[in-house]
Amino acid sequence: MTAQRRRRAARPAPYVVTVAGGVPVFSADGRERLGAVGASGEAPADDAACAEAGVAAAGLHTRRPQS
């Protein structure tokens, strides 16, 4: 990634807050990124585990399959 691209990626977005506890959401086959989901209210690791459990319950994935 170029330095210019990193600067753009790190630029703050209005009305967006980043917090621990969020995970990416991929399709059932793991190939298409659909978005993200997060939970908040406990320790960050517990929030992420809760979000991952919800994604799994929906039959989706939080990681791409290994090639």
Protein backbone atom coordinates (compact mmCIF):
# COMPACT_ATOMS: atom_id res chain seq x y z
CA MET A 1 0.00 0.00 0.00
CA THR A 2 1.41 3.39 -0.91
CA ALA A 3 1.90 6.10 1.70
CA GLN A 4 -0.73 8.27 0.01
CA ARG A 5 -3.26 5.44 0.06
CA ARG A 6 -2.55 4.77 3.77
CA ARG A 7 -3.21 8.43 4.56
CA ARG A 8 -6.56 8.28 2.75
CA ALA A 9 -7.47 5.04 4.56
CA ALA A 10 -6.68 6.63 7.93
CA ARG A 11 -8.65 9.80 7.26
CA PRO A 12 -11.48 10.30 9.77
CA ALA A 13 -15.00 9.84 8.45
CA PRO A 14 -17.85 11.99 9.75
CA TYR A 15 -20.32 10.18 12.03
CA VAL A 16 -18.10 7.07 12.23
CA VAL A 17 -16.69 5.83 15.52
CA THR A 18 -14.34 2.89 15.72
CA VAL A 19 -14.48 0.70 18.81
CA ALA A 20 -13.25 -2.76 19.71
CA GLY A 21 -15.78 -5.55 19.35
CA GLY A 22 -16.46 -5.30 15.63
CA VAL A 23 -15.85 -8.04 13.08
CA PRO A 24 -16.11 -8.21 9.29
CA VAL A 25 -18.94 -10.26 7.76
CA PHE A 26 -18.35 -12.51 4.75
CA SER A 27 -20.83 -14.56 2.73
CA ALA A 28 -21.56 -18.22 3.57
CA ASP A 29 -18.85 -19.33 1.14
CA GLY A 30 -16.49 -16.73 2.63
CA ARG A 31 -15.63 -15.11 -0.68
CA GLU A 32 -17.69 -11.91 -0.64
CA ARG A 33 -17.38 -9.22 2.02
CA LEU A 34 -20.85 -8.14 3.06
CA GLY A 35 -20.09 -5.59 5.75
CA ALA A 36 -19.42 -5.69 9.47
CA VAL A 37 -21.18 -6.12 12.79
CA GLY A 38 -20.24 -5.19 16.32
CA ALA A 39 -21.30 -5.50 19.91
CA SER A 40 -20.55 -3.24 22.85
CA GLY A 41 -21.08 -3.36 26.58
CA GLU A 42 -18.53 -5.82 27.94
CA ALA A 43 -14.78 -6.26 27.60
CA PRO A 44 -13.60 -5.87 23.97
CA ALA A 45 -12.75 -9.58 23.63
CA ASP A 46 -16.22 -10.53 24.90
CA ASP A 47 -17.86 -8.02 22.55
CA ALA A 48 -15.99 -9.51 19.58
CA ALA A 49 -16.91 -13.06 20.66
CA CYS A 50 -20.58 -12.04 20.85
CA ALA A 51 -20.43 -10.46 17.38
CA GLU A 52 -18.69 -13.56 15.96
CA ALA A 53 -21.35 -15.83 17.50
CA GLY A 54 -24.10 -13.79 15.86
CA VAL A 55 -22.39 -13.98 12.47
CA ALA A 56 -21.95 -17.75 12.83
CA ALA A 57 -25.61 -18.17 13.89
CA ALA A 58 -26.60 -16.46 10.64
CA GLY A 59 -24.55 -19.01 8.68
CA LEU A 60 -21.95 -16.41 7.65
CA HIS A 61 -18.22 -16.04 8.33
CA THR A 62 -15.90 -13.49 9.93
CA ARG A 63 -12.87 -14.55 7.86
CA ARG A 64 -12.12 -15.43 4.26
CA PRO A 65 -11.30 -19.09 3.63
CA GLN A 66 -7.61 -19.97 3.50
CA SER A 67 -6.37 -20.50 -0.05
